[in-house]
Amino acid sequence: MRGLTARLLYGTGMRLLECLRLRVKDVDFGYRQILVRDGKGQKDRITMLPEKLAQALRHSFATHLLLAGYDIRTVQELLGHADVSTTMITRTC
């Protein structure tokens, strides 16, 4: 995904090193927030996950799973889609 780091820096207020240390488990799509670990002063904090960025990350995640050979039903379950047709949109993009 092009420009993801720049989007994260701009949209969340994270510092560059915080962004580079980010892990998948630090992103909470349900609450639209990111846990920043070991930030300035070795402190953890929570910052917002902008909605557009959350959608882009979910789409990227789904696309990478499909390219890695995961079946569409598994991706549907991981994304929490009730209908597979919603997940199928990822395949066409």
Protein backbone atom coordinates (compact mmCIF):
# COMPACT_ATOMS: atom_id res chain seq x y z
CA MET A 1 0.00 0.00 0.00
CA ARG A 2 1.60 3.21 -1.16
CA GLY A 3 2.05 6.01 1.32
CA LEU A 4 0.79 4.04 4.30
CA THR A 5 3.47 5.36 6.62
CA ALA A 6 2.79 8.94 5.57
CA ARG A 7 -0.96 8.45 6.05
CA LEU A 8 -0.40 6.99 9.51
CA LEU A 9 1.91 9.82 10.52
CA TYR A 10 -0.48 12.49 9.28
CA GLY A 11 -3.74 10.88 10.35
CA THR A 12 -2.73 9.69 13.82
CA GLY A 13 -0.05 12.09 15.03
CA MET A 14 2.41 9.26 15.59
CA ARG A 15 6.13 9.84 15.42
CA LEU A 16 8.10 8.05 12.70
CA LEU A 17 9.71 5.49 15.03
CA GLU A 18 6.33 4.77 16.65
CA CYS A 19 4.86 4.11 13.23
CA LEU A 20 7.71 1.83 12.22
CA ARG A 21 7.31 -0.21 15.42
CA LEU A 22 3.57 -0.67 14.89
CA ARG A 23 2.30 -4.26 14.95
CA VAL A 24 -0.97 -5.70 13.69
CA LYS A 25 -2.10 -6.47 17.24
CA ASP A 26 -1.75 -2.76 18.12
CA VAL A 27 -4.56 -1.77 15.73
CA ASP A 28 -8.13 -2.09 17.04
CA PHE A 29 -10.60 -1.66 14.19
CA GLY A 30 -13.61 -2.09 16.47
CA TYR A 31 -12.74 0.94 18.57
CA ARG A 32 -10.85 2.66 15.72
CA GLN A 33 -7.75 3.17 17.79
CA ILE A 34 -4.06 2.33 17.76
CA LEU A 35 -1.98 1.40 20.78
CA VAL A 36 1.39 3.15 20.52
CA ARG A 37 3.93 1.18 22.56
CA ASP A 38 7.11 2.65 24.03
CA GLY A 39 6.50 6.14 22.72
CA LYS A 40 8.37 9.21 23.84
CA GLY A 41 9.46 8.75 27.44
CA GLN A 42 8.98 4.97 27.08
CA LYS A 43 5.23 5.44 27.62
CA ASP A 44 2.33 3.66 25.95
CA ARG A 45 -0.59 5.70 24.64
CA ILE A 46 -3.66 5.32 22.49
CA THR A 47 -4.34 7.38 19.39
CA MET A 48 -7.24 7.42 16.96
CA LEU A 49 -7.41 5.40 13.76
CA PRO A 50 -9.04 7.60 11.11
CA GLU A 51 -11.98 5.86 9.42
CA LYS A 52 -10.63 6.18 5.87
CA LEU A 53 -7.29 4.79 6.96
CA ALA A 54 -9.01 1.92 8.79
CA GLN A 55 -10.85 1.00 5.60
CA ALA A 56 -7.64 1.14 3.58
CA LEU A 57 -5.84 -1.09 6.09
CA ARG A 58 -8.68 -3.65 6.13
CA HIS A 59 -8.77 -3.72 2.33
CA SER A 60 -5.00 -4.16 2.16
CA PHE A 61 -5.14 -6.94 4.77
CA ALA A 62 -7.84 -8.79 2.82
CA THR A 63 -6.02 -8.38 -0.49
CA HIS A 64 -2.78 -9.76 0.95
CA LEU A 65 -4.60 -12.78 2.38
CA LEU A 66 -6.21 -13.54 -0.97
CA LEU A 67 -2.90 -13.15 -2.80
CA ALA A 68 -1.31 -15.50 -0.28
CA GLY A 69 -3.84 -18.18 -1.24
CA TYR A 70 -6.40 -17.94 1.57
CA ASP A 71 -9.90 -18.87 0.45
CA ILE A 72 -12.61 -16.23 0.29
CA ARG A 73 -14.64 -17.77 3.15
CA THR A 74 -11.68 -17.54 5.53
CA VAL A 75 -11.14 -13.90 4.61
CA GLN A 76 -14.88 -13.27 5.06
CA GLU A 77 -14.73 -14.69 8.58
CA LEU A 78 -11.60 -12.76 9.51
CA LEU A 79 -13.15 -9.48 8.35
CA GLY A 80 -16.45 -10.20 10.09
CA HIS A 81 -18.55 -9.90 6.96
CA ALA A 82 -22.01 -11.48 7.21
CA ASP A 83 -22.27 -11.90 3.43
CA VAL A 84 -19.51 -13.19 1.18
CA SER A 85 -20.52 -10.69 -1.52
CA THR A 86 -19.10 -7.92 0.66
CA THR A 87 -15.78 -9.77 0.79
CA MET A 88 -15.88 -10.40 -2.96
CA ILE A 89 -15.52 -6.64 -3.52
CA THR A 90 -11.91 -7.01 -2.33
CA ARG A 91 -11.21 -9.46 -5.17
CA THR A 92 -12.24 -7.00 -7.85
CA CYS A 93 -10.09 -4.11 -6.62
